[in-house]
Amino acid sequence: MSRLGSEIGRLRKELGITQKQLAKLVGVSEGFIIDVESGRRILNEDLVKKFSRALRGEVGKLELYEVEQNKPEPDGNVVKVVEKPIQDIWNDALSGILMPVPVYRYKMDKAINTKQLPIIHNKVEGFPKDKVFYLMIEDNDMSGFRIIKDDLALVYNTHDIDKDGIYFVDYKGKRTVRQIKDIGNGKLLLVSNSGRLVTDTIYRKDLNVLGRLIRLEIPL
């Protein structure tokens, strides 16, 4: 006999009602009551509530105990699934497709923002994905090349001058953007144009290259 069935039988007897009378109160057959009290029937939540009302609410005290008694042991092989916020799910899904590229000012002490760029064959714009960053242009020294303040330049992080182009450099303790031309014999031509072309001939050893500009994004 189940503990719940035994308790229902006891409460029914204390109230002085027969199994037939209890069956009418609950809305089941007399045989159903007999089966419940003998432990051959297991009650669902709705029936427990009906018996509780018929027996003055007393059965409700047994519900949690009965459920706990019949609670199956947890399966040690079952892996708990932790729900993730929708945004995290999207971030995970896109992590192999898009990459957050940091945006820096010339000082490069910390990223001021990020921009998402597609990853193709583990590269961004044809360059290793861990070797690119955005640089926010801080002056108009290159306005003659249509590079002006607050433009965003995508930069390949390199210390080499593999070809003539526009580079992010540190020259004489100042970080800036300049066009560089290799003129041989360890010398470079450093070019700026803020409306007037200015050139400096320098030795390669005096210049610290921080990156080569590969694309310019102009804010509207």
N, C-alpha and C. Protein backbone atom coordinates (compact mmCIF):
# COMPACT_ATOMS: atom_id res chain seq x y z
N MET A 1 0.85 -1.20 0.00
CA MET A 1 0.00 0.00 0.00
C MET A 1 0.88 1.24 0.00
N SER A 2 0.56 2.21 -0.85
CA SER A 2 1.35 3.42 -0.90
C SER A 2 1.02 4.31 0.29
N ARG A 3 1.97 5.15 0.64
CA ARG A 3 1.75 6.06 1.77
C ARG A 3 0.58 7.01 1.49
N LEU A 4 0.47 7.49 0.23
CA LEU A 4 -0.61 8.40 -0.10
C LEU A 4 -1.97 7.69 -0.04
N GLY A 5 -2.05 6.46 -0.58
CA GLY A 5 -3.30 5.71 -0.54
C GLY A 5 -3.73 5.40 0.87
N SER A 6 -2.77 5.02 1.71
CA SER A 6 -3.07 4.73 3.12
C SER A 6 -3.59 5.97 3.83
N GLU A 7 -2.97 7.12 3.55
CA GLU A 7 -3.40 8.36 4.21
C GLU A 7 -4.79 8.78 3.74
N ILE A 8 -5.11 8.57 2.47
CA ILE A 8 -6.45 8.89 1.96
C ILE A 8 -7.49 8.03 2.66
N GLY A 9 -7.17 6.74 2.82
CA GLY A 9 -8.09 5.85 3.52
C GLY A 9 -8.31 6.28 4.96
N ARG A 10 -7.24 6.68 5.62
CA ARG A 10 -7.35 7.12 7.02
C ARG A 10 -8.20 8.38 7.15
N LEU A 11 -7.94 9.37 6.27
CA LEU A 11 -8.70 10.62 6.33
C LEU A 11 -10.17 10.39 5.99
N ARG A 12 -10.41 9.51 5.04
CA ARG A 12 -11.81 9.20 4.69
C ARG A 12 -12.56 8.62 5.89
N LYS A 13 -11.91 7.72 6.60
CA LYS A 13 -12.54 7.10 7.76
C LYS A 13 -12.77 8.10 8.89
N GLU A 14 -11.79 9.03 9.07
CA GLU A 14 -11.94 10.06 10.10
C GLU A 14 -13.13 10.97 9.82
N LEU A 15 -13.40 11.20 8.52
CA LEU A 15 -14.54 12.04 8.14
C LEU A 15 -15.84 11.26 8.14
N GLY A 16 -15.76 9.95 8.31
CA GLY A 16 -16.96 9.12 8.40
C GLY A 16 -17.69 8.96 7.08
N ILE A 17 -16.96 8.91 5.97
CA ILE A 17 -17.61 8.71 4.66
C ILE A 17 -17.14 7.39 4.07
N THR A 18 -17.99 6.81 3.26
CA THR A 18 -17.66 5.53 2.64
C THR A 18 -16.85 5.75 1.38
N GLN A 19 -16.30 4.64 0.87
CA GLN A 19 -15.55 4.73 -0.38
C GLN A 19 -16.45 5.17 -1.52
N LYS A 20 -17.73 4.73 -1.48
CA LYS A 20 -18.68 5.12 -2.52
C LYS A 20 -18.96 6.61 -2.47
N GLN A 21 -19.14 7.15 -1.23
CA GLN A 21 -19.39 8.59 -1.08
C GLN A 21 -18.18 9.43 -1.53
N LEU A 22 -17.00 8.96 -1.18
CA LEU A 22 -15.79 9.67 -1.60
C LEU A 22 -15.65 9.65 -3.13
N ALA A 23 -16.02 8.51 -3.72
CA ALA A 23 -15.95 8.39 -5.18
C ALA A 23 -16.83 9.43 -5.85
N LYS A 24 -18.03 9.68 -5.30
CA LYS A 24 -18.94 10.68 -5.87
C LYS A 24 -18.37 12.08 -5.71
N LEU A 25 -17.76 12.32 -4.54
CA LEU A 25 -17.17 13.65 -4.31
C LEU A 25 -16.03 13.94 -5.28
N VAL A 26 -15.24 12.93 -5.56
CA VAL A 26 -14.07 13.12 -6.42
C VAL A 26 -14.45 13.02 -7.90
N GLY A 27 -15.53 12.26 -8.18
CA GLY A 27 -15.95 12.08 -9.57
C GLY A 27 -15.33 10.86 -10.22
N VAL A 28 -15.11 9.81 -9.42
CA VAL A 28 -14.56 8.56 -9.95
C VAL A 28 -15.42 7.40 -9.47
N SER A 29 -15.08 6.20 -9.89
CA SER A 29 -15.84 5.03 -9.46
C SER A 29 -15.38 4.56 -8.09
N GLU A 30 -16.26 3.76 -7.45
CA GLU A 30 -15.92 3.21 -6.13
C GLU A 30 -14.69 2.30 -6.25
N GLY A 31 -14.63 1.53 -7.36
CA GLY A 31 -13.49 0.65 -7.57
C GLY A 31 -12.18 1.43 -7.67
N PHE A 32 -12.25 2.65 -8.23
CA PHE A 32 -11.06 3.50 -8.33
C PHE A 32 -10.56 3.85 -6.93
N ILE A 33 -11.49 4.19 -6.01
CA ILE A 33 -11.12 4.54 -4.63
C ILE A 33 -10.46 3.35 -3.97
N ILE A 34 -11.02 2.16 -4.20
CA ILE A 34 -10.46 0.96 -3.60
C ILE A 34 -9.02 0.74 -4.08
N ASP A 35 -8.83 0.95 -5.38
CA ASP A 35 -7.49 0.78 -5.95
C ASP A 35 -6.50 1.80 -5.40
N VAL A 36 -6.97 3.05 -5.21
CA VAL A 36 -6.10 4.11 -4.68
C VAL A 36 -5.67 3.77 -3.27
N GLU A 37 -6.64 3.39 -2.44
CA GLU A 37 -6.32 3.12 -1.03
C GLU A 37 -5.45 1.88 -0.87
N SER A 38 -5.55 0.97 -1.82
CA SER A 38 -4.74 -0.25 -1.74
C SER A 38 -3.36 -0.06 -2.37
N GLY A 39 -3.16 1.10 -3.02
CA GLY A 39 -1.87 1.38 -3.61
C GLY A 39 -1.72 0.89 -5.03
N ARG A 40 -2.80 0.40 -5.64
CA ARG A 40 -2.73 -0.09 -7.02
C ARG A 40 -2.88 1.02 -8.05
N ARG A 41 -3.31 2.20 -7.58
CA ARG A 41 -3.48 3.36 -8.47
C ARG A 41 -2.54 4.47 -8.03
N ILE A 42 -1.92 5.10 -9.01
CA ILE A 42 -1.07 6.28 -8.72
C ILE A 42 -1.82 7.52 -9.17
N LEU A 43 -1.90 8.49 -8.29
CA LEU A 43 -2.66 9.70 -8.59
C LEU A 43 -1.80 10.75 -9.28
N ASN A 44 -2.41 11.40 -10.31
CA ASN A 44 -1.72 12.54 -10.90
C ASN A 44 -2.04 13.79 -10.09
N GLU A 45 -1.47 14.91 -10.50
CA GLU A 45 -1.60 16.15 -9.72
C GLU A 45 -3.05 16.61 -9.62
N ASP A 46 -3.79 16.51 -10.73
CA ASP A 46 -5.19 16.94 -10.72
C ASP A 46 -6.02 16.12 -9.75
N LEU A 47 -5.81 14.81 -9.72
CA LEU A 47 -6.58 13.96 -8.81
C LEU A 47 -6.20 14.20 -7.36
N VAL A 48 -4.94 14.47 -7.11
CA VAL A 48 -4.53 14.80 -5.74
C VAL A 48 -5.28 16.03 -5.25
N LYS A 49 -5.43 17.02 -6.14
CA LYS A 49 -6.15 18.24 -5.76
C LYS A 49 -7.63 17.94 -5.48
N LYS A 50 -8.24 17.04 -6.28
CA LYS A 50 -9.65 16.68 -6.06
C LYS A 50 -9.83 15.96 -4.73
N PHE A 51 -8.92 15.03 -4.41
CA PHE A 51 -8.98 14.34 -3.13
C PHE A 51 -8.76 15.32 -1.98
N SER A 52 -7.86 16.31 -2.22
CA SER A 52 -7.61 17.31 -1.18
C SER A 52 -8.86 18.10 -0.86
N ARG A 53 -9.60 18.51 -1.91
CA ARG A 53 -10.84 19.26 -1.68
C ARG A 53 -11.88 18.39 -0.97
N ALA A 54 -12.00 17.13 -1.40
CA ALA A 54 -12.99 16.24 -0.80
C ALA A 54 -12.67 15.90 0.65
N LEU A 55 -11.38 15.87 0.98
CA LEU A 55 -10.95 15.50 2.34
C LEU A 55 -10.46 16.72 3.11
N ARG A 56 -11.09 17.85 2.80
CA ARG A 56 -10.84 19.11 3.53
C ARG A 56 -9.38 19.60 3.40
N GLY A 57 -8.81 19.35 2.26
CA GLY A 57 -7.48 19.91 1.99
C GLY A 57 -6.33 19.18 2.61
N GLU A 58 -6.59 18.11 3.37
CA GLU A 58 -5.52 17.45 4.07
C GLU A 58 -4.53 16.74 3.15
N VAL A 59 -5.02 16.22 2.03
CA VAL A 59 -4.15 15.47 1.14
C VAL A 59 -3.06 16.35 0.54
N GLY A 60 -3.34 17.63 0.44
CA GLY A 60 -2.37 18.57 -0.11
C GLY A 60 -1.06 18.55 0.65
N LYS A 61 -1.13 18.20 1.95
CA LYS A 61 0.08 18.16 2.75
C LYS A 61 0.99 16.99 2.36
N LEU A 62 0.38 15.99 1.71
CA LEU A 62 1.15 14.81 1.34
C LEU A 62 1.80 14.93 -0.02
N GLU A 63 1.36 15.89 -0.83
CA GLU A 63 1.75 15.90 -2.23
C GLU A 63 3.26 16.00 -2.42
N LEU A 64 3.87 16.96 -1.76
CA LEU A 64 5.30 17.15 -1.95
C LEU A 64 6.08 15.96 -1.42
N TYR A 65 5.60 15.40 -0.29
CA TYR A 65 6.29 14.25 0.28
C TYR A 65 6.21 13.06 -0.65
N GLU A 66 5.02 12.84 -1.21
CA GLU A 66 4.83 11.69 -2.08
C GLU A 66 5.66 11.81 -3.35
N VAL A 67 5.68 13.04 -3.92
CA VAL A 67 6.47 13.26 -5.13
C VAL A 67 7.94 13.02 -4.85
N GLU A 68 8.41 13.49 -3.67
CA GLU A 68 9.81 13.33 -3.31
C GLU A 68 10.16 11.86 -3.13
N GLN A 69 9.20 11.07 -2.52
CA GLN A 69 9.43 9.66 -2.29
C GLN A 69 9.58 8.89 -3.60
N ASN A 70 8.80 9.31 -4.63
CA ASN A 70 8.79 8.61 -5.89
C ASN A 70 9.71 9.22 -6.93
N LYS A 71 10.48 10.24 -6.51
CA LYS A 71 11.35 10.93 -7.43
C LYS A 71 12.49 10.02 -7.87
N PRO A 72 12.67 9.82 -9.18
CA PRO A 72 13.73 8.91 -9.63
C PRO A 72 15.10 9.49 -9.36
N GLU A 73 16.07 8.61 -9.18
CA GLU A 73 17.44 9.05 -8.98
C GLU A 73 17.95 9.70 -10.26
N PRO A 74 18.71 10.80 -10.16
CA PRO A 74 19.23 11.45 -11.36
C PRO A 74 20.19 10.54 -12.11
N ASP A 75 20.10 10.61 -13.41
CA ASP A 75 20.97 9.81 -14.27
C ASP A 75 22.33 10.49 -14.36
N GLY A 76 23.35 9.78 -13.88
CA GLY A 76 24.69 10.37 -13.86
C GLY A 76 25.23 10.65 -15.24
N ASN A 77 24.64 10.05 -16.26
CA ASN A 77 25.12 10.24 -17.62
C ASN A 77 24.47 11.41 -18.34
N VAL A 78 23.48 11.98 -17.69
CA VAL A 78 22.77 13.10 -18.32
C VAL A 78 23.58 14.37 -18.13
N VAL A 79 23.84 15.08 -19.21
CA VAL A 79 24.60 16.32 -19.15
C VAL A 79 23.64 17.49 -19.03
N LYS A 80 23.86 18.33 -18.05
CA LYS A 80 23.00 19.49 -17.84
C LYS A 80 23.21 20.49 -18.96
N VAL A 81 22.10 20.95 -19.54
CA VAL A 81 22.15 21.94 -20.61
C VAL A 81 21.87 23.32 -20.02
N VAL A 82 22.81 24.23 -20.20
CA VAL A 82 22.66 25.59 -19.68
C VAL A 82 22.14 26.47 -20.80
N GLU A 83 21.00 27.10 -20.56
CA GLU A 83 20.41 27.98 -21.57
C GLU A 83 21.29 29.21 -21.76
N LYS A 84 21.49 29.60 -23.00
CA LYS A 84 22.27 30.80 -23.29
C LYS A 84 21.35 31.91 -23.78
N PRO A 85 21.69 33.16 -23.43
CA PRO A 85 20.92 34.26 -24.01
C PRO A 85 21.00 34.22 -25.53
N ILE A 86 19.94 34.72 -26.19
CA ILE A 86 19.88 34.70 -27.66
C ILE A 86 21.09 35.38 -28.28
N GLN A 87 21.54 36.50 -27.71
CA GLN A 87 22.68 37.22 -28.28
C GLN A 87 23.93 36.37 -28.25
N ASP A 88 24.12 35.62 -27.15
CA ASP A 88 25.30 34.75 -27.06
C ASP A 88 25.26 33.65 -28.11
N ILE A 89 24.03 33.13 -28.37
CA ILE A 89 23.88 32.09 -29.38
C ILE A 89 24.28 32.63 -30.75
N TRP A 90 23.82 33.86 -31.05
CA TRP A 90 24.18 34.47 -32.34
C TRP A 90 25.67 34.73 -32.42
N ASN A 91 26.26 35.19 -31.31
CA ASN A 91 27.70 35.45 -31.31
C ASN A 91 28.49 34.18 -31.58
N ASP A 92 28.05 33.06 -30.95
CA ASP A 92 28.72 31.79 -31.18
C ASP A 92 28.58 31.35 -32.63
N ALA A 93 27.38 31.54 -33.17
CA ALA A 93 27.12 31.10 -34.55
C ALA A 93 27.96 31.89 -35.55
N LEU A 94 28.19 33.17 -35.24
CA LEU A 94 28.91 34.04 -36.18
C LEU A 94 30.42 34.09 -35.91
N SER A 95 30.85 33.44 -34.80
CA SER A 95 32.25 33.56 -34.41
C SER A 95 33.21 33.03 -35.47
N GLY A 96 32.77 32.06 -36.28
CA GLY A 96 33.64 31.54 -37.32
C GLY A 96 33.45 32.24 -38.64
N ILE A 97 32.55 33.22 -38.70
CA ILE A 97 32.26 33.93 -39.94
C ILE A 97 32.71 35.38 -39.86
N LEU A 98 32.42 36.02 -38.71
CA LEU A 98 32.79 37.42 -38.51
C LEU A 98 33.77 37.53 -37.35
N MET A 99 34.62 38.54 -37.44
CA MET A 99 35.62 38.75 -36.40
C MET A 99 35.59 40.20 -35.94
N PRO A 100 35.60 40.44 -34.63
CA PRO A 100 35.67 41.82 -34.15
C PRO A 100 37.09 42.36 -34.28
N VAL A 101 37.25 43.39 -35.09
CA VAL A 101 38.57 43.99 -35.30
C VAL A 101 38.66 45.25 -34.44
N PRO A 102 39.69 45.37 -33.60
CA PRO A 102 39.80 46.53 -32.71
C PRO A 102 40.10 47.82 -33.46
N VAL A 103 39.59 48.91 -32.91
CA VAL A 103 39.84 50.25 -33.46
C VAL A 103 40.73 51.00 -32.45
N TYR A 104 41.83 51.56 -32.94
CA TYR A 104 42.77 52.27 -32.07
C TYR A 104 42.97 53.71 -32.53
N ARG A 105 43.36 54.55 -31.58
CA ARG A 105 43.93 55.85 -31.90
C ARG A 105 45.45 55.66 -32.04
N TYR A 106 46.16 56.70 -32.41
CA TYR A 106 47.59 56.58 -32.69
C TYR A 106 48.37 56.03 -31.49
N LYS A 107 47.95 56.35 -30.28
CA LYS A 107 48.68 55.91 -29.10
C LYS A 107 48.61 54.40 -28.93
N MET A 108 47.52 53.79 -29.37
CA MET A 108 47.30 52.34 -29.34
C MET A 108 47.42 51.74 -27.93
N ASP A 109 47.03 52.52 -26.92
CA ASP A 109 47.10 51.97 -25.56
C ASP A 109 45.88 51.10 -25.24
N LYS A 110 44.76 51.38 -25.90
CA LYS A 110 43.56 50.56 -25.70
C LYS A 110 42.62 50.75 -26.89
N ALA A 111 41.83 49.72 -27.14
CA ALA A 111 40.86 49.79 -28.25
C ALA A 111 39.72 50.72 -27.85
N ILE A 112 39.29 51.57 -28.77
CA ILE A 112 38.19 52.48 -28.49
C ILE A 112 36.88 51.96 -29.05
N ASN A 113 36.99 50.91 -29.88
CA ASN A 113 35.78 50.34 -30.48
C ASN A 113 36.18 49.05 -31.20
N THR A 114 35.22 48.37 -31.78
CA THR A 114 35.49 47.22 -32.65
C THR A 114 34.56 47.28 -33.86
N LYS A 115 34.99 46.66 -34.95
CA LYS A 115 34.17 46.55 -36.14
C LYS A 115 34.23 45.09 -36.61
N GLN A 116 33.07 44.58 -37.03
CA GLN A 116 33.00 43.19 -37.49
C GLN A 116 33.43 43.09 -38.96
N LEU A 117 34.33 42.16 -39.22
CA LEU A 117 34.76 41.89 -40.59
C LEU A 117 34.69 40.39 -40.87
N PRO A 118 34.38 40.00 -42.11
CA PRO A 118 34.27 38.58 -42.43
C PRO A 118 35.64 37.89 -42.44
N ILE A 119 35.62 36.63 -42.00
CA ILE A 119 36.81 35.78 -42.05
C ILE A 119 36.68 34.85 -43.26
N ILE A 120 37.65 34.89 -44.15
CA ILE A 120 37.65 34.03 -45.33
C ILE A 120 38.97 33.27 -45.36
N HIS A 121 38.88 31.94 -45.28
CA HIS A 121 40.07 31.08 -45.24
C HIS A 121 41.00 31.51 -44.11
N ASN A 122 40.40 31.79 -42.97
CA ASN A 122 41.14 32.17 -41.76
C ASN A 122 41.90 33.49 -41.91
N LYS A 123 41.47 34.30 -42.90
CA LYS A 123 42.10 35.60 -43.10
C LYS A 123 41.06 36.71 -43.18
N VAL A 124 41.51 37.94 -42.93
CA VAL A 124 40.67 39.13 -43.06
C VAL A 124 41.29 40.02 -44.13
N GLU A 125 40.54 40.26 -45.20
CA GLU A 125 41.04 41.05 -46.33
C GLU A 125 42.35 40.47 -46.89
N GLY A 126 42.50 39.15 -46.80
CA GLY A 126 43.69 38.49 -47.34
C GLY A 126 44.88 38.48 -46.41
N PHE A 127 44.72 39.00 -45.19
CA PHE A 127 45.81 39.04 -44.22
C PHE A 127 45.47 38.17 -43.01
N PRO A 128 46.48 37.65 -42.30
CA PRO A 128 46.20 36.86 -41.10
C PRO A 128 45.27 37.62 -40.16
N LYS A 129 44.24 36.92 -39.66
CA LYS A 129 43.18 37.60 -38.91
C LYS A 129 43.68 38.26 -37.62
N ASP A 130 44.81 37.78 -37.08
CA ASP A 130 45.34 38.37 -35.85
C ASP A 130 46.35 39.48 -36.14
N LYS A 131 46.45 39.89 -37.43
CA LYS A 131 47.42 40.92 -37.81
C LYS A 131 46.77 42.16 -38.40
N VAL A 132 45.49 42.36 -38.14
CA VAL A 132 44.82 43.55 -38.67
C VAL A 132 44.17 44.33 -37.54
N PHE A 133 44.09 45.64 -37.72
CA PHE A 133 43.40 46.51 -36.78
C PHE A 133 42.96 47.77 -37.52
N TYR A 134 42.05 48.48 -36.92
CA TYR A 134 41.60 49.76 -37.49
C TYR A 134 42.34 50.90 -36.79
N LEU A 135 42.67 51.91 -37.57
CA LEU A 135 43.32 53.10 -37.04
C LEU A 135 42.45 54.31 -37.33
N MET A 136 42.13 55.08 -36.31
CA MET A 136 41.37 56.31 -36.51
C MET A 136 42.36 57.44 -36.83
N ILE A 137 42.22 58.03 -37.99
CA ILE A 137 43.13 59.10 -38.43
C ILE A 137 42.92 60.32 -37.54
N GLU A 138 44.05 60.88 -37.04
CA GLU A 138 43.95 61.96 -36.05
C GLU A 138 44.31 63.34 -36.59
N ASP A 139 44.71 63.43 -37.85
CA ASP A 139 45.08 64.74 -38.39
C ASP A 139 44.78 64.80 -39.89
N ASN A 140 45.10 65.91 -40.48
CA ASN A 140 44.86 66.11 -41.92
C ASN A 140 46.16 66.17 -42.72
N ASP A 141 47.23 65.56 -42.17
CA ASP A 141 48.53 65.59 -42.84
C ASP A 141 48.50 64.91 -44.21
N MET A 142 47.50 64.03 -44.42
CA MET A 142 47.43 63.29 -45.69
C MET A 142 46.15 63.62 -46.46
N SER A 143 45.62 64.80 -46.22
CA SER A 143 44.36 65.18 -46.89
C SER A 143 44.52 65.23 -48.41
N GLY A 144 45.74 65.50 -48.88
CA GLY A 144 45.99 65.50 -50.32
C GLY A 144 45.85 64.11 -50.92
N PHE A 145 45.91 63.09 -50.07
CA PHE A 145 45.68 61.71 -50.51
C PHE A 145 44.27 61.24 -50.15
N ARG A 146 43.43 62.23 -49.81
CA ARG A 146 42.04 61.97 -49.41
C ARG A 146 41.93 61.14 -48.13
N ILE A 147 42.90 61.33 -47.26
CA ILE A 147 42.87 60.71 -45.93
C ILE A 147 42.79 61.85 -44.93
N ILE A 148 41.65 61.97 -44.25
CA ILE A 148 41.46 63.11 -43.35
C ILE A 148 41.08 62.62 -41.94
N LYS A 149 41.08 63.57 -41.04
CA LYS A 149 40.81 63.29 -39.64
C LYS A 149 39.47 62.57 -39.46
N ASP A 150 39.48 61.56 -38.59
CA ASP A 150 38.31 60.73 -38.23
C ASP A 150 37.97 59.64 -39.24
N ASP A 151 38.72 59.59 -40.37
CA ASP A 151 38.58 58.44 -41.25
C ASP A 151 39.08 57.20 -40.50
N LEU A 152 38.58 56.03 -40.91
CA LEU A 152 39.06 54.77 -40.35
C LEU A 152 39.86 54.04 -41.41
N ALA A 153 41.08 53.67 -41.05
CA ALA A 153 41.94 52.93 -41.98
C ALA A 153 42.15 51.53 -41.43
N LEU A 154 41.93 50.53 -42.29
CA LEU A 154 42.25 49.16 -41.91
C LEU A 154 43.75 48.97 -42.14
N VAL A 155 44.43 48.48 -41.12
CA VAL A 155 45.90 48.42 -41.14
C VAL A 155 46.39 46.98 -40.95
N TYR A 156 47.37 46.62 -41.76
CA TYR A 156 48.06 45.34 -41.59
C TYR A 156 49.24 45.57 -40.65
N ASN A 157 49.25 44.83 -39.56
CA ASN A 157 50.28 45.01 -38.54
C ASN A 157 51.61 44.41 -39.00
N THR A 158 52.51 45.26 -39.43
CA THR A 158 53.82 44.80 -39.91
C THR A 158 54.87 45.85 -39.58
N HIS A 159 56.11 45.39 -39.46
CA HIS A 159 57.22 46.31 -39.24
C HIS A 159 58.11 46.40 -40.48
N ASP A 160 57.66 45.73 -41.52
CA ASP A 160 58.44 45.72 -42.77
C ASP A 160 57.83 46.65 -43.81
N ILE A 161 58.67 47.11 -44.73
CA ILE A 161 58.20 47.87 -45.89
C ILE A 161 58.38 46.94 -47.09
N ASP A 162 57.31 46.17 -47.38
CA ASP A 162 57.43 45.19 -48.46
C ASP A 162 57.20 45.80 -49.83
N LYS A 163 56.61 47.00 -49.85
CA LYS A 163 56.41 47.71 -51.11
C LYS A 163 56.08 49.16 -50.81
N ASP A 164 56.16 50.02 -51.83
CA ASP A 164 55.77 51.42 -51.63
C ASP A 164 54.29 51.47 -51.28
N GLY A 165 53.94 52.36 -50.36
CA GLY A 165 52.55 52.48 -49.96
C GLY A 165 52.39 53.50 -48.85
N ILE A 166 51.23 53.47 -48.22
CA ILE A 166 50.95 54.39 -47.12
C ILE A 166 51.02 53.60 -45.81
N TYR A 167 51.81 54.11 -44.88
CA TYR A 167 52.13 53.37 -43.66
C TYR A 167 51.81 54.19 -42.40
N PHE A 168 51.56 53.46 -41.35
CA PHE A 168 51.46 54.05 -40.02
C PHE A 168 52.83 53.91 -39.39
N VAL A 169 53.45 55.04 -39.04
CA VAL A 169 54.86 55.00 -38.61
C VAL A 169 55.08 55.81 -37.34
N ASP A 170 56.24 55.54 -36.73
CA ASP A 170 56.73 56.34 -35.62
C ASP A 170 58.07 56.91 -36.06
N TYR A 171 58.10 58.24 -36.23
CA TYR A 171 59.32 58.90 -36.70
C TYR A 171 59.66 60.04 -35.77
N LYS A 172 60.83 59.97 -35.20
CA LYS A 172 61.31 60.97 -34.25
C LYS A 172 60.34 61.15 -33.08
N GLY A 173 59.78 60.02 -32.62
CA GLY A 173 58.91 60.06 -31.44
C GLY A 173 57.48 60.49 -31.74
N LYS A 174 57.16 60.70 -33.00
CA LYS A 174 55.80 61.10 -33.38
C LYS A 174 55.15 60.02 -34.24
N ARG A 175 53.94 59.63 -33.85
CA ARG A 175 53.20 58.64 -34.64
C ARG A 175 52.33 59.37 -35.67
N THR A 176 52.40 58.88 -36.90
CA THR A 176 51.69 59.55 -37.98
C THR A 176 51.49 58.60 -39.15
N VAL A 177 50.80 59.07 -40.15
CA VAL A 177 50.59 58.30 -41.38
C VAL A 177 51.34 58.99 -42.50
N ARG A 178 52.13 58.22 -43.26
CA ARG A 178 52.92 58.79 -44.34
C ARG A 178 52.98 57.83 -45.54
N GLN A 179 53.13 58.42 -46.72
CA GLN A 179 53.44 57.60 -47.88
C GLN A 179 54.95 57.33 -47.85
N ILE A 180 55.32 56.09 -48.14
CA ILE A 180 56.75 55.73 -48.12
C ILE A 180 57.16 55.16 -49.48
N LYS A 181 58.29 55.66 -49.95
CA LYS A 181 58.89 55.14 -51.18
C LYS A 181 60.34 54.74 -50.89
N ASP A 182 60.68 53.51 -51.28
CA ASP A 182 62.04 53.02 -51.08
C ASP A 182 62.91 53.52 -52.24
N ILE A 183 63.92 54.35 -51.91
CA ILE A 183 64.76 54.92 -52.97
C ILE A 183 66.15 54.27 -53.01
N GLY A 184 66.28 53.18 -52.27
CA GLY A 184 67.52 52.41 -52.32
C GLY A 184 68.59 52.92 -51.39
N ASN A 185 69.62 52.08 -51.24
CA ASN A 185 70.76 52.41 -50.39
C ASN A 185 70.35 52.67 -48.93
N GLY A 186 69.31 51.97 -48.49
CA GLY A 186 68.87 52.11 -47.10
C GLY A 186 68.15 53.40 -46.82
N LYS A 187 67.72 54.07 -47.90
CA LYS A 187 67.03 55.34 -47.73
C LYS A 187 65.57 55.25 -48.18
N LEU A 188 64.74 56.08 -47.53
CA LEU A 188 63.32 56.13 -47.85
C LEU A 188 62.90 57.57 -48.10
N LEU A 189 61.87 57.72 -48.92
CA LEU A 189 61.26 59.03 -49.13
C LEU A 189 59.94 59.04 -48.35
N LEU A 190 59.85 59.94 -47.39
CA LEU A 190 58.67 60.06 -46.54
C LEU A 190 57.83 61.22 -47.06
N VAL A 191 56.56 60.95 -47.44
CA VAL A 191 55.73 61.95 -48.11
C VAL A 191 54.46 62.25 -47.32
N SER A 192 54.17 63.52 -47.15
CA SER A 192 52.89 63.96 -46.58
C SER A 192 52.31 65.00 -47.53
N ASN A 193 50.99 65.23 -47.39
CA ASN A 193 50.33 66.20 -48.28
C ASN A 193 49.06 66.70 -47.62
N SER A 194 49.19 67.86 -47.00
CA SER A 194 48.04 68.49 -46.37
C SER A 194 47.52 69.64 -47.22
N GLY A 195 47.74 69.54 -48.51
CA GLY A 195 47.42 70.61 -49.44
C GLY A 195 48.68 71.09 -50.11
N ARG A 196 49.80 70.74 -49.49
CA ARG A 196 51.13 71.05 -50.04
C ARG A 196 52.00 69.82 -49.84
N LEU A 197 52.63 69.36 -50.93
CA LEU A 197 53.44 68.15 -50.87
C LEU A 197 54.74 68.41 -50.10
N VAL A 198 54.99 67.56 -49.12
CA VAL A 198 56.22 67.68 -48.32
C VAL A 198 56.93 66.34 -48.33
N THR A 199 58.21 66.34 -48.66
CA THR A 199 58.98 65.09 -48.70
C THR A 199 60.20 65.19 -47.79
N ASP A 200 60.52 64.05 -47.19
CA ASP A 200 61.73 63.96 -46.36
C ASP A 200 62.48 62.70 -46.77
N THR A 201 63.79 62.86 -46.97
CA THR A 201 64.62 61.69 -47.24
C THR A 201 65.24 61.25 -45.92
N ILE A 202 65.01 60.02 -45.55
CA ILE A 202 65.47 59.53 -44.25
C ILE A 202 66.14 58.16 -44.43
N TYR A 203 66.85 57.73 -43.40
CA TYR A 203 67.42 56.40 -43.38
C TYR A 203 66.39 55.42 -42.80
N ARG A 204 66.36 54.26 -43.40
CA ARG A 204 65.38 53.24 -42.96
C ARG A 204 65.53 52.94 -41.47
N LYS A 205 66.74 52.93 -40.97
CA LYS A 205 66.96 52.57 -39.57
C LYS A 205 66.36 53.59 -38.59
N ASP A 206 66.06 54.80 -39.10
CA ASP A 206 65.51 55.84 -38.22
C ASP A 206 63.98 55.79 -38.13
N LEU A 207 63.39 54.88 -38.88
CA LEU A 207 61.92 54.84 -38.95
C LEU A 207 61.40 53.54 -38.33
N ASN A 208 60.41 53.68 -37.48
CA ASN A 208 59.75 52.51 -36.90
C ASN A 208 58.39 52.33 -37.58
N VAL A 209 58.27 51.29 -38.37
CA VAL A 209 57.01 51.02 -39.08
C VAL A 209 56.07 50.25 -38.15
N LEU A 210 54.83 50.72 -38.04
CA LEU A 210 53.84 50.09 -37.17
C LEU A 210 52.77 49.34 -37.96
N GLY A 211 52.64 49.67 -39.25
CA GLY A 211 51.65 48.96 -40.05
C GLY A 211 51.47 49.61 -41.41
N ARG A 212 50.88 48.83 -42.32
CA ARG A 212 50.60 49.36 -43.66
C ARG A 212 49.10 49.47 -43.86
N LEU A 213 48.66 50.66 -44.33
CA LEU A 213 47.24 50.87 -44.58
C LEU A 213 46.79 50.08 -45.80
N ILE A 214 45.70 49.33 -45.64
CA ILE A 214 45.23 48.51 -46.76
C ILE A 214 43.84 48.91 -47.25
N ARG A 215 43.13 49.68 -46.44
CA ARG A 215 41.80 50.13 -46.88
C ARG A 215 41.38 51.32 -46.04
N LEU A 216 40.64 52.23 -46.67
CA LEU A 216 40.16 53.42 -45.98
C LEU A 216 38.65 53.44 -45.97
N GLU A 217 38.07 53.74 -44.80
CA GLU A 217 36.62 53.87 -44.66
C GLU A 217 36.30 55.31 -44.29
N ILE A 218 35.47 55.94 -45.11
CA ILE A 218 35.15 57.35 -44.91
C ILE A 218 33.77 57.48 -44.27
N PRO A 219 33.67 58.13 -43.11
CA PRO A 219 32.36 58.30 -42.48
C PRO A 219 31.48 59.25 -43.28
N LEU A 220 30.18 58.97 -43.35
CA LEU A 220 29.25 59.83 -44.09
C LEU A 220 28.62 60.85 -43.14
